[in-house]
Amino acid sequence: MDRLAFDPTYPKYPTTLSDYVRKYRKDKGISEVELAGGPGVNEMSIVNWEVKGRVPQTKRIRERLLKGIPGVGRFLDAHTPHPMDSRN
């Protein structure tokens, strides 16, 4: 039987960045630290996205998430920073 079927924190139908990050991490069976290595961020960034629901604003990190986590593009497209945001 699938161990994730009994996990109350497992998002079967992700709708937020937190859900997408958590689902991806749990599907892969990896920790926040291991996931942080993929997009080249630190563990606190993963915690901010997964637990605190924050959305990365920098273009570089957003692009890495798009390449690394399936489905996250739909969420990030809806939460694009304002064009006047000069952070890269």
Foldseek 3Di string as FASTA:
>chain_A
DDPVVPPPLQDPPDDAQLNQLRNQCVVVVHDLQVVCVQLVHHSVVNCCCNPVVDDDQAPSSVVSCPVPTPPCVVRCVVVHDDPVPPHD
